[in-house]
C-alpha atoms as a PDB file:
ATOM      1  CA  MET A   1      -9.827  14.841   8.348  1.00  0.00           C
ATOM      2  CA  LYS A   2      -7.858  13.710   6.051  1.00  0.00           C
ATOM      3  CA  PRO A   3      -8.334   9.609   5.309  1.00  0.00           C
ATOM      4  CA  PRO A   4      -5.485   7.586   6.308  1.00  0.00           C
ATOM      5  CA  ALA A   5      -2.980   6.148   4.407  1.00  0.00           C
ATOM      6  CA  ILE A   6      -0.229   3.561   4.949  1.00  0.00           C
ATOM      7  CA  GLY A   7       3.205   2.728   2.869  1.00  0.00           C
ATOM      8  CA  TYR A   8       4.304  -0.459   1.885  1.00  0.00           C
ATOM      9  CA  LEU A   9       7.214  -2.494   0.878  1.00  0.00           C
ATOM     10  CA  ARG A  10       9.645  -4.909   0.536  1.00  0.00           C
ATOM     11  CA  ARG A  11      13.549  -4.609   2.009  1.00  0.00           C
ATOM     12  CA  ASP A  12      14.239  -7.662  -0.612  1.00  0.00           C
ATOM     13  CA  ILE A  13      13.143  -5.164  -3.958  1.00  0.00           C
ATOM     14  CA  SER A  14      13.594  -2.019  -2.239  1.00  0.00           C
ATOM     15  CA  GLY A  15      17.704  -3.083  -1.054  1.00  0.00           C
ATOM     16  CA  VAL A  16      19.768   0.575  -0.550  1.00  0.00           C
ATOM     17  CA  ALA A  17      17.595   2.804  -1.677  1.00  0.00           C
ATOM     18  CA  GLN A  18      14.493   1.741   1.456  1.00  0.00           C
ATOM     19  CA  SER A  19      15.229   4.603   3.346  1.00  0.00           C
ATOM     20  CA  TRP A  20      14.531   6.868  -0.644  1.00  0.00           C
ATOM     21  CA  ASP A  21      11.468   4.343  -1.124  1.00  0.00           C
ATOM     22  CA  GLU A  22       9.772   5.297   1.895  1.00  0.00           C
ATOM     23  CA  THR A  23      10.309   9.323   1.259  1.00  0.00           C
ATOM     24  CA  GLN A  24       9.132   8.707  -1.234  1.00  0.00           C
ATOM     25  CA  ILE A  25       5.040   6.910  -0.510  1.00  0.00           C
ATOM     26  CA  ARG A  26       5.590   9.163   2.179  1.00  0.00           C
ATOM     27  CA  SER A  27       5.109  12.778  -0.028  1.00  0.00           C
ATOM     28  CA  LEU A  28       3.444  10.876  -2.305  1.00  0.00           C
ATOM     29  CA  ALA A  29       0.691  10.148  -0.282  1.00  0.00           C
ATOM     30  CA  GLU A  30       0.479  13.510   1.729  1.00  0.00           C
ATOM     31  CA  ARG A  31       0.670  15.071  -1.911  1.00  0.00           C
ATOM     32  CA  LEU A  32      -2.999  13.440  -2.385  1.00  0.00           C
ATOM     33  CA  GLY A  33      -4.303  14.706   0.923  1.00  0.00           C
ATOM     34  CA  TYR A  34      -4.331  11.968   3.012  1.00  0.00           C
ATOM     35  CA  ARG A  35      -2.928  11.608   7.106  1.00  0.00           C
ATOM     36  CA  PHE A  36       0.228   9.307   6.341  1.00  0.00           C
ATOM     37  CA  THR A  37      -0.059   6.784   8.944  1.00  0.00           C
ATOM     38  CA  LYS A  38       3.202   4.062   9.101  1.00  0.00           C
ATOM     39  CA  THR A  39       4.862   1.976   6.793  1.00  0.00           C
ATOM     40  CA  VAL A  40       5.216  -1.922   6.645  1.00  0.00           C
ATOM     41  CA  VAL A  41       8.054  -3.441   5.650  1.00  0.00           C
ATOM     42  CA  PHE A  42       7.928  -6.575   5.379  1.00  0.00           C
ATOM     43  CA  SER A  43      10.320  -9.439   3.100  1.00  0.00           C
ATOM     44  CA  ASP A  44      11.309 -11.562   0.588  1.00  0.00           C
ATOM     45  CA  ARG A  45      10.874 -14.362   3.641  1.00  0.00           C
ATOM     46  CA  THR A  46       7.445 -13.461   5.971  1.00  0.00           C
ATOM     47  CA  THR A  47       5.133 -15.595   5.939  1.00  0.00           C
ATOM     48  CA  GLU A  48       1.668 -14.929   4.745  1.00  0.00           C
ATOM     49  CA  PRO A  49       2.509 -10.952   3.540  1.00  0.00           C
ATOM     50  CA  LEU A  50      -0.529 -10.342   1.739  1.00  0.00           C
ATOM     51  CA  ARG A  51      -3.632 -11.590   4.753  1.00  0.00           C
ATOM     52  CA  ARG A  52      -0.898  -9.173   7.421  1.00  0.00           C
ATOM     53  CA  LEU A  53      -0.890  -6.795   4.855  1.00  0.00           C
ATOM     54  CA  LEU A  54      -4.625  -6.680   5.107  1.00  0.00           C
ATOM     55  CA  ASP A  55      -4.989  -6.761   8.958  1.00  0.00           C
ATOM     56  CA  VAL A  56      -3.248  -4.241   8.816  1.00  0.00           C
ATOM     57  CA  VAL A  57      -5.125  -2.229   6.893  1.00  0.00           C
ATOM     58  CA  THR A  58      -7.872  -2.751   9.234  1.00  0.00           C
ATOM     59  CA  THR A  59      -6.479  -2.424  12.381  1.00  0.00           C
ATOM     60  CA  THR A  60      -5.071   1.597  11.222  1.00  0.00           C
ATOM     61  CA  GLU A  61      -7.982   1.601   7.996  1.00  0.00           C
ATOM     62  CA  ALA A  62      -6.403   2.775   5.997  1.00  0.00           C
ATOM     63  CA  ALA A  63      -8.280   4.612   2.544  1.00  0.00           C
ATOM     64  CA  ALA A  64      -5.490   3.520   0.191  1.00  0.00           C
ATOM     65  CA  VAL A  65      -1.596   1.304   0.821  1.00  0.00           C
ATOM     66  CA  VAL A  66       1.743   3.309  -1.093  1.00  0.00           C
ATOM     67  CA  THR A  67       4.466   1.112  -2.748  1.00  0.00           C
ATOM     68  CA  PRO A  68       7.103   1.953  -4.412  1.00  0.00           C
ATOM     69  CA  SER A  69       5.454  -0.485  -7.287  1.00  0.00           C
ATOM     70  CA  LEU A  70       3.117  -2.966  -7.749  1.00  0.00           C
ATOM     71  CA  ASN A  71       6.768  -5.504  -7.662  1.00  0.00           C
ATOM     72  CA  HIS A  72       6.475  -4.944  -4.221  1.00  0.00           C
ATOM     73  CA  LEU A  73       2.852  -6.529  -4.008  1.00  0.00           C
ATOM     74  CA  ASP A  74       3.823  -9.442  -6.366  1.00  0.00           C
ATOM     75  CA  ASP A  75       0.514  -8.597  -8.398  1.00  0.00           C
ATOM     76  CA  LEU A  76      -2.344  -5.961  -7.479  1.00  0.00           C
ATOM     77  CA  PRO A  77      -4.445  -8.546  -5.171  1.00  0.00           C
ATOM     78  CA  ASP A  78      -8.054  -8.249  -5.865  1.00  0.00           C
ATOM     79  CA  ALA A  79      -8.023  -9.035  -2.176  1.00  0.00           C
ATOM     80  CA  LEU A  80      -5.947  -5.684  -1.787  1.00  0.00           C
ATOM     81  CA  LEU A  81      -7.658  -3.422  -3.617  1.00  0.00           C
ATOM     82  CA  ALA A  82     -11.486  -4.439  -2.053  1.00  0.00           C
ATOM     83  CA  ALA A  83     -10.145  -2.963   1.037  1.00  0.00           C
ATOM     84  CA  CYS A  84      -8.809   0.309   0.422  1.00  0.00           C
ATOM     85  CA  ASP A  85      -6.964   2.147  -3.175  1.00  0.00           C
ATOM     86  CA  VAL A  86      -3.672   1.031  -3.987  1.00  0.00           C
ATOM     87  CA  ILE A  87      -0.924   3.618  -5.020  1.00  0.00           C
ATOM     88  CA  THR A  88       1.625   3.485  -6.555  1.00  0.00           C
ATOM     89  CA  VAL A  89       5.431   6.076  -6.577  1.00  0.00           C
ATOM     90  CA  THR A  90       6.178   4.674 -10.386  1.00  0.00           C
ATOM     91  CA  PRO A  91       4.664   4.954 -12.170  1.00  0.00           C
ATOM     92  CA  GLU A  92       2.336   7.023 -10.740  1.00  0.00           C
ATOM     93  CA  ILE A  93      -1.158   5.334 -10.759  1.00  0.00           C
ATOM     94  CA  THR A  94      -4.191   5.569  -8.339  1.00  0.00           C
ATOM     95  CA  HIS A  95      -5.624   1.736  -8.448  1.00  0.00           C
ATOM     96  CA  THR A  96      -9.129   2.244  -6.952  1.00  0.00           C
ATOM     97  CA  ARG A  97     -10.675   0.111  -4.579  1.00  0.00           C
ATOM     98  CA  THR A  98     -13.280  -2.444  -6.557  1.00  0.00           C
ATOM     99  CA  LEU A  99     -17.007  -2.775  -4.604  1.00  0.00           C
ATOM    100  CA  PRO A 100     -18.191  -6.308  -4.284  1.00  0.00           C
ATOM    101  CA  ALA A 101     -21.569  -6.303  -7.148  1.00  0.00           C
ATOM    102  CA  LEU A 102     -24.398  -5.688  -5.287  1.00  0.00           C
ATOM    103  CA  PRO A 103     -26.419  -9.884  -6.198  1.00  0.00           C
ATOM    104  CA  ALA A 104     -28.663  -9.061  -8.851  1.00  0.00           C
END
């Protein structure tokens, strides 16, 4: 079974290209071997977007979040990387999940 992935974008950043961004997200996820489940769309008015995105990652058991670019995440949050891989469409890069350090 393919691992699940979700898409993520911010409406205010995608603007009129939102449909195109959603298509690119889905296509890349499927090309990389994920089972695409949904796209999460927030705006600049969304409160606590990272917490809400992490809730969706947990609920869907997503192995990856695919986003048009890191601009949609305002950076590469450590909390998100601890939960799943983060894949950007442009440039096409997979930021691999970081596992917590083992106690010494």
